[in-house]
Amino acid sequence: MTDPRLNYPATARNRDAILDVLRVVLPERGRVLEIASGSGEHSAYFAPLFPDLTWQPTDLDPGVLPSIAGHAAASGAANIEAPIALDVTTHPWPISDADAILAINMIHIAPWAACEALIAGASEILPADGTLFLYGPYRRNGAHTAPSNARFDRSLRSQNPNWGVRDLEAVGDTAATHGLSLHAVHAMPANNLSVVFRRHA
């Protein structure tokens, strides 16, 4: 039988740095909704380390769900739910509640409307003080934070003009309009950021 698991090298490079932040910002118990789980490697790595959290992986592309399920099975973790297809721009979402939402390397590889929909959806299903965690490259104060990010931005836009490295301030402004406040920004390896929002009480 063919192994359905996909493997993305970037996952292994960034997961431990992300884990350090998640240990600080995730709740002790509850449900974590992962948006754009991709291969499923992140959920398979993180979930066993947070046994009191239930992990719900999702992706826009139904074709990667077998990979997510395969990695979950291989992890041996009992707290990973079956992956489901989720398009953040389709309302309502198939998940009605979550205590934290993660979107790793998503909003720059999607139209801006997807970022807006992600934030709007998060504001609907997160409880008071619930966490929205975003990871990836950002522009700050209208400028790239490193030449490598500028090159990456050009590469993204050459593939799809609706993609691109987002302005952190624009993301923050959008979040504010949906009742989410910027809680913390963590500098990460390779000129990325972990950005943490909290839903207002």
Protein backbone atom coordinates (compact mmCIF):
# COMPACT_ATOMS: atom_id res chain seq x y z
CA MET A 1 0.00 0.00 0.00
CA THR A 2 1.34 3.44 -0.92
CA ASP A 3 2.28 5.63 2.01
CA PRO A 4 0.08 8.76 1.77
CA ARG A 5 2.32 10.90 3.96
CA LEU A 6 3.83 14.03 2.46
CA ASN A 7 6.98 15.53 3.92
CA TYR A 8 7.93 19.21 3.77
CA PRO A 9 11.52 20.04 4.82
CA ALA A 10 10.51 23.44 6.24
CA THR A 11 8.37 21.71 8.87
CA ALA A 12 11.31 20.03 10.55
CA ARG A 13 13.28 23.28 10.45
CA ASN A 14 10.68 25.45 12.17
CA ARG A 15 8.72 23.15 14.46
CA ASP A 16 10.88 23.37 17.59
CA ALA A 17 11.02 27.17 17.48
CA ILE A 18 7.24 27.24 17.08
CA LEU A 19 6.87 24.73 19.90
CA ASP A 20 8.69 27.07 22.28
CA VAL A 21 6.05 29.75 21.63
CA LEU A 22 3.10 27.34 21.74
CA ARG A 23 4.16 26.17 25.20
CA VAL A 24 3.60 29.74 26.37
CA VAL A 25 0.43 30.72 24.49
CA LEU A 26 -1.73 27.59 24.24
CA PRO A 27 -4.31 26.81 26.94
CA GLU A 28 -3.74 23.85 29.24
CA ARG A 29 -6.88 22.09 28.01
CA GLY A 30 -9.38 22.36 25.18
CA ARG A 31 -9.42 22.13 21.42
CA VAL A 32 -6.79 23.45 19.03
CA LEU A 33 -8.01 24.07 15.49
CA GLU A 34 -5.19 23.98 12.98
CA ILE A 35 -5.94 25.79 9.72
CA ALA A 36 -4.01 24.81 6.58
CA SER A 37 -2.41 21.75 8.13
CA GLY A 38 -0.76 20.81 4.82
CA SER A 39 1.14 17.56 5.16
CA GLY A 40 -0.01 17.07 8.75
CA GLU A 41 3.54 16.99 10.09
CA HIS A 42 3.00 19.88 12.50
CA SER A 43 -0.09 18.40 14.14
CA ALA A 44 1.59 15.00 14.42
CA TYR A 45 4.59 16.61 16.13
CA PHE A 46 2.79 19.02 18.45
CA ALA A 47 -0.23 17.00 19.58
CA PRO A 48 1.70 14.32 21.52
CA LEU A 49 3.43 17.10 23.46
CA PHE A 50 0.10 18.59 24.57
CA PRO A 51 -1.84 15.52 25.71
CA ASP A 52 -4.58 17.56 27.40
CA LEU A 53 -5.40 19.40 24.18
CA THR A 54 -7.47 17.90 21.37
CA TRP A 55 -5.96 18.70 17.99
CA GLN A 56 -8.24 19.25 14.98
CA PRO A 57 -6.26 19.43 11.72
CA THR A 58 -7.87 20.88 8.60
CA ASP A 59 -6.95 21.92 5.09
CA LEU A 60 -8.50 23.61 2.09
CA ASP A 61 -7.25 20.79 -0.16
CA PRO A 62 -9.07 17.48 0.43
CA GLY A 63 -6.20 15.77 -1.38
CA VAL A 64 -3.84 16.23 1.58
CA LEU A 65 -6.21 14.80 4.19
CA PRO A 66 -4.80 11.26 3.77
CA SER A 67 -1.32 12.63 4.46
CA ILE A 68 -2.56 14.37 7.61
CA ALA A 69 -4.28 11.19 8.77
CA GLY A 70 -1.18 9.14 7.98
CA HIS A 71 1.10 11.34 10.04
CA ALA A 72 -1.44 11.37 12.88
CA ALA A 73 -1.58 7.56 12.90
CA ALA A 74 2.20 7.28 12.80
CA SER A 75 2.53 9.65 15.76
CA GLY A 76 0.52 7.32 17.97
CA ALA A 77 -1.21 10.33 19.53
CA ALA A 78 -4.74 9.69 20.74
CA ASN A 79 -5.64 13.40 20.81
CA ILE A 80 -5.64 14.12 17.04
CA GLU A 81 -9.10 14.13 15.50
CA ALA A 82 -9.73 12.98 11.93
CA PRO A 83 -8.73 15.75 9.50
CA ILE A 84 -11.46 17.66 7.73
CA ALA A 85 -11.64 19.96 4.73
CA LEU A 86 -12.04 23.59 5.74
CA ASP A 87 -12.12 26.65 3.49
CA VAL A 88 -11.87 29.73 5.69
CA THR A 89 -13.82 31.76 3.12
CA THR A 90 -16.85 29.45 3.34
CA HIS A 91 -19.29 30.37 6.08
CA PRO A 92 -20.10 28.83 8.47
CA TRP A 93 -17.02 26.78 9.24
CA PRO A 94 -17.56 23.07 9.94
CA ILE A 95 -16.06 23.63 13.41
CA SER A 96 -18.19 25.68 15.79
CA ASP A 97 -15.78 26.12 18.68
CA ALA A 98 -12.07 26.05 19.50
CA ASP A 99 -9.97 27.33 22.37
CA ALA A 100 -7.03 28.17 20.12
CA ILE A 101 -6.49 28.45 16.37
CA LEU A 102 -3.18 27.98 14.57
CA ALA A 103 -2.35 28.97 11.00
CA ILE A 104 1.27 28.24 10.12
CA ASN A 105 2.63 29.51 6.80
CA MET A 106 -0.82 30.25 5.44
CA ILE A 107 -1.71 33.88 4.93
CA HIS A 108 1.14 34.68 2.53
CA ILE A 109 0.25 31.71 0.31
CA ALA A 110 -3.39 32.74 -0.02
CA PRO A 111 -5.34 35.79 -1.17
CA TRP A 112 -5.76 38.63 1.31
CA ALA A 113 -9.46 37.71 1.48
CA ALA A 114 -8.43 34.41 3.07
CA CYS A 115 -6.58 36.26 5.84
CA GLU A 116 -9.64 38.42 6.44
CA ALA A 117 -11.88 35.34 6.52
CA LEU A 118 -9.52 33.52 8.87
CA ILE A 119 -9.65 36.38 11.35
CA ALA A 120 -13.43 36.80 11.02
CA GLY A 121 -13.99 33.09 11.55
CA ALA A 122 -11.65 33.01 14.52
CA SER A 123 -13.56 35.84 16.16
CA GLU A 124 -16.76 33.81 15.85
CA ILE A 125 -15.59 30.53 17.36
CA LEU A 126 -12.92 31.51 19.90
CA PRO A 127 -13.96 32.09 23.50
CA ALA A 128 -13.04 35.21 25.42
CA ASP A 129 -9.23 35.33 25.68
CA GLY A 130 -8.95 32.56 23.06
CA THR A 131 -5.73 32.52 21.03
CA LEU A 132 -5.16 33.01 17.30
CA PHE A 133 -1.57 32.08 16.44
CA LEU A 134 -0.10 33.02 13.06
CA TYR A 135 3.39 32.08 11.88
CA GLY A 136 5.28 33.22 8.82
CA PRO A 137 7.12 36.17 7.24
CA TYR A 138 5.75 39.70 7.58
CA ARG A 139 6.47 43.21 6.50
CA ARG A 140 6.73 45.70 9.35
CA ASN A 141 6.09 49.42 9.02
CA GLY A 142 5.71 48.96 5.27
CA ALA A 143 9.09 47.31 4.73
CA HIS A 144 10.47 43.79 4.53
CA THR A 145 12.48 42.71 7.55
CA ALA A 146 15.20 41.02 5.48
CA PRO A 147 16.34 40.84 1.83
CA SER A 148 15.42 37.14 1.80
CA ASN A 149 11.82 38.02 2.63
CA ALA A 150 11.74 40.56 -0.21
CA ARG A 151 12.94 37.87 -2.61
CA PHE A 152 10.39 35.43 -1.24
CA ASP A 153 7.64 38.00 -1.68
CA ARG A 154 8.58 38.52 -5.33
CA SER A 155 8.61 34.76 -5.86
CA LEU A 156 5.16 34.38 -4.32
CA ARG A 157 3.67 37.19 -6.39
CA SER A 158 5.18 35.74 -9.56
CA GLN A 159 3.29 32.51 -8.86
CA ASN A 160 0.05 34.28 -7.96
CA PRO A 161 -0.41 38.07 -7.82
CA ASN A 162 -2.89 37.62 -4.96
CA TRP A 163 -0.24 36.02 -2.74
CA GLY A 164 2.52 37.81 -0.88
CA VAL A 165 4.16 38.65 2.44
CA ARG A 166 1.59 40.57 4.47
CA ASP A 167 1.96 43.79 6.43
CA LEU A 168 1.77 42.99 10.11
CA GLU A 169 0.02 46.29 10.76
CA ALA A 170 -2.70 45.47 8.20
CA VAL A 171 -3.23 42.08 9.81
CA GLY A 172 -3.42 43.72 13.23
CA ASP A 173 -5.91 46.33 12.02
CA THR A 174 -8.11 43.63 10.52
CA ALA A 175 -7.95 41.65 13.75
CA ALA A 176 -8.92 44.70 15.77
CA THR A 177 -12.08 45.18 13.70
CA HIS A 178 -13.11 41.64 14.66
CA GLY A 179 -12.47 41.92 18.38
CA LEU A 180 -8.99 40.41 18.42
CA SER A 181 -6.08 42.28 19.99
CA LEU A 182 -2.38 41.80 19.31
CA HIS A 183 -0.97 40.01 22.34
CA ALA A 184 2.63 39.27 21.37
CA VAL A 185 5.09 39.14 18.47
CA HIS A 186 7.95 36.67 18.71
CA ALA A 187 10.98 36.87 16.42
CA MET A 188 11.67 33.46 14.89
CA PRO A 189 14.46 31.87 12.86
CA ALA A 190 14.77 32.63 9.12
CA ASN A 191 13.21 36.10 9.53
CA ASN A 192 9.77 34.77 10.42
CA LEU A 193 7.44 35.88 13.20
CA SER A 194 5.03 34.19 15.54
CA VAL A 195 2.11 36.56 15.98
CA VAL A 196 -0.36 35.98 18.80
CA PHE A 197 -3.82 37.54 18.98
CA ARG A 198 -6.34 37.20 21.78
CA ARG A 199 -10.09 37.56 21.51
CA HIS A 200 -11.53 40.31 23.66
CA ALA A 201 -13.63 39.31 26.63
